[in-house]
């Protein structure tokens, strides 16, 4: 669950920095402090889970890591099909 939401908060910070004039359909409460704090706390919890319950957490992490090459290959293939790659 944390691994799913963490990139969303990170992208919020990146998008608001890269495109400050973009339309904002909603306001991020406490921006940038609360999203940054969420990222730090989530990373801390994720590391604690990896250290304290490695038997249960490492297989999930490995499974996600195995999906990363598939994602990048799929992305490369779709960009080539669209004529962008």
C-alpha atoms as a PDB file:
ATOM      1  CA  UNK A   1       0.000   0.000   0.000  1.00  0.00           C
ATOM      2  CA  UNK A   2       2.780   2.412   0.871  1.00  0.00           C
ATOM      3  CA  UNK A   3       4.684   1.546  -2.280  1.00  0.00           C
ATOM      4  CA  UNK A   4       1.616   2.442  -4.327  1.00  0.00           C
ATOM      5  CA  UNK A   5       0.943   5.835  -2.776  1.00  0.00           C
ATOM      6  CA  UNK A   6       4.538   6.998  -2.369  1.00  0.00           C
ATOM      7  CA  UNK A   7       5.123   7.767  -6.076  1.00  0.00           C
ATOM      8  CA  UNK A   8       1.849   9.690  -6.202  1.00  0.00           C
ATOM      9  CA  UNK A   9       3.038  12.087  -3.509  1.00  0.00           C
ATOM     10  CA  UNK A  10       6.452  12.388  -5.134  1.00  0.00           C
ATOM     11  CA  UNK A  11       4.881  13.196  -8.494  1.00  0.00           C
ATOM     12  CA  UNK A  12       2.758  15.874  -6.854  1.00  0.00           C
ATOM     13  CA  UNK A  13       5.912  17.646  -5.705  1.00  0.00           C
ATOM     14  CA  UNK A  14       7.675  17.186  -9.058  1.00  0.00           C
ATOM     15  CA  UNK A  15       4.704  18.321 -11.149  1.00  0.00           C
ATOM     16  CA  UNK A  16       4.111  21.434  -9.096  1.00  0.00           C
ATOM     17  CA  UNK A  17       7.785  22.347  -9.422  1.00  0.00           C
ATOM     18  CA  UNK A  18       8.080  21.625 -13.170  1.00  0.00           C
ATOM     19  CA  UNK A  19       4.733  23.159 -14.173  1.00  0.00           C
ATOM     20  CA  UNK A  20       3.890  25.896 -11.673  1.00  0.00           C
ATOM     21  CA  UNK A  21       1.379  27.518 -14.040  1.00  0.00           C
ATOM     22  CA  UNK A  22      -0.621  24.348 -14.740  1.00  0.00           C
ATOM     23  CA  UNK A  23      -4.286  24.283 -13.786  1.00  0.00           C
ATOM     24  CA  UNK A  24      -4.875  22.938 -10.274  1.00  0.00           C
ATOM     25  CA  UNK A  25      -8.247  21.173  -9.972  1.00  0.00           C
ATOM     26  CA  UNK A  26      -7.702  20.811  -6.216  1.00  0.00           C
ATOM     27  CA  UNK A  27      -5.454  22.295  -3.577  1.00  0.00           C
ATOM     28  CA  UNK A  28      -2.951  20.093  -1.785  1.00  0.00           C
ATOM     29  CA  UNK A  29      -3.461  20.838   1.901  1.00  0.00           C
ATOM     30  CA  UNK A  30      -0.216  21.832   3.594  1.00  0.00           C
ATOM     31  CA  UNK A  31       1.795  21.817   0.360  1.00  0.00           C
ATOM     32  CA  UNK A  32       4.789  21.275   0.254  1.00  0.00           C
ATOM     33  CA  UNK A  33       5.308  20.336   3.900  1.00  0.00           C
ATOM     34  CA  UNK A  34       2.648  17.632   4.309  1.00  0.00           C
ATOM     35  CA  UNK A  35       3.352  15.754   1.038  1.00  0.00           C
ATOM     36  CA  UNK A  36       7.083  15.805   1.842  1.00  0.00           C
ATOM     37  CA  UNK A  37       6.408  14.632   5.403  1.00  0.00           C
ATOM     38  CA  UNK A  38       4.202  11.836   4.037  1.00  0.00           C
ATOM     39  CA  UNK A  39       7.054  10.676   1.788  1.00  0.00           C
ATOM     40  CA  UNK A  40       9.557  10.643   4.659  1.00  0.00           C
ATOM     41  CA  UNK A  41       7.228   8.816   7.060  1.00  0.00           C
ATOM     42  CA  UNK A  42       6.212   6.290   4.378  1.00  0.00           C
ATOM     43  CA  UNK A  43       9.837   5.512   3.578  1.00  0.00           C
ATOM     44  CA  UNK A  44      10.566   5.073   7.282  1.00  0.00           C
ATOM     45  CA  UNK A  45       7.631   2.676   7.719  1.00  0.00           C
ATOM     46  CA  UNK A  46       8.610   0.733   4.587  1.00  0.00           C
ATOM     47  CA  UNK A  47      12.192   0.307   5.821  1.00  0.00           C
ATOM     48  CA  UNK A  48      10.948  -0.768   9.266  1.00  0.00           C
ATOM     49  CA  UNK A  49       8.699  -3.383   7.676  1.00  0.00           C
ATOM     50  CA  UNK A  50      11.557  -4.649   5.495  1.00  0.00           C
ATOM     51  CA  UNK A  51      13.827  -4.962   8.531  1.00  0.00           C
ATOM     52  CA  UNK A  52      11.333  -6.327  11.081  1.00  0.00           C
ATOM     53  CA  UNK A  53       9.355  -8.694   8.843  1.00  0.00           C
ATOM     54  CA  UNK A  54      11.742  -9.677   6.050  1.00  0.00           C
ATOM     55  CA  UNK A  55      10.102 -13.066   5.565  1.00  0.00           C
ATOM     56  CA  UNK A  56       6.902 -11.374   4.426  1.00  0.00           C
ATOM     57  CA  UNK A  57       8.139  -8.113   2.921  1.00  0.00           C
ATOM     58  CA  UNK A  58      11.121  -9.110   0.756  1.00  0.00           C
ATOM     59  CA  UNK A  59       9.160 -11.450  -1.535  1.00  0.00           C
ATOM     60  CA  UNK A  60       6.767  -8.606  -2.302  1.00  0.00           C
ATOM     61  CA  UNK A  61       9.625  -6.216  -2.946  1.00  0.00           C
ATOM     62  CA  UNK A  62      11.283  -8.739  -5.250  1.00  0.00           C
ATOM     63  CA  UNK A  63       8.013  -9.225  -7.123  1.00  0.00           C
ATOM     64  CA  UNK A  64       7.678  -5.475  -7.670  1.00  0.00           C
ATOM     65  CA  UNK A  65      11.329  -5.259  -8.744  1.00  0.00           C
ATOM     66  CA  UNK A  66      10.751  -8.017 -11.297  1.00  0.00           C
ATOM     67  CA  UNK A  67       7.912  -5.987 -12.760  1.00  0.00           C
ATOM     68  CA  UNK A  68      10.112  -2.918 -13.366  1.00  0.00           C
ATOM     69  CA  UNK A  69      11.901  -4.329 -16.460  1.00  0.00           C
ATOM     70  CA  UNK A  70       8.532  -5.387 -17.884  1.00  0.00           C
ATOM     71  CA  UNK A  71       7.229  -1.844 -17.402  1.00  0.00           C
ATOM     72  CA  UNK A  72      10.217  -0.241 -19.129  1.00  0.00           C
ATOM     73  CA  UNK A  73      10.109  -2.699 -22.031  1.00  0.00           C
ATOM     74  CA  UNK A  74       6.369  -2.111 -22.426  1.00  0.00           C
ATOM     75  CA  UNK A  75       6.901   1.645 -22.313  1.00  0.00           C
ATOM     76  CA  UNK A  76       9.708   1.487 -24.879  1.00  0.00           C
ATOM     77  CA  UNK A  77       7.546  -0.674 -27.149  1.00  0.00           C
ATOM     78  CA  UNK A  78       4.536   1.661 -26.892  1.00  0.00           C
ATOM     79  CA  UNK A  79       6.685   4.744 -27.593  1.00  0.00           C
ATOM     80  CA  UNK A  80       8.170   3.041 -30.664  1.00  0.00           C
ATOM     81  CA  UNK A  81       4.655   2.150 -31.862  1.00  0.00           C
ATOM     82  CA  UNK A  82       3.544   5.772 -31.404  1.00  0.00           C
ATOM     83  CA  UNK A  83       6.567   7.017 -33.341  1.00  0.00           C
ATOM     84  CA  UNK A  84       8.116   8.730 -30.330  1.00  0.00           C
ATOM     85  CA  UNK A  85      10.927   6.239 -29.755  1.00  0.00           C
END
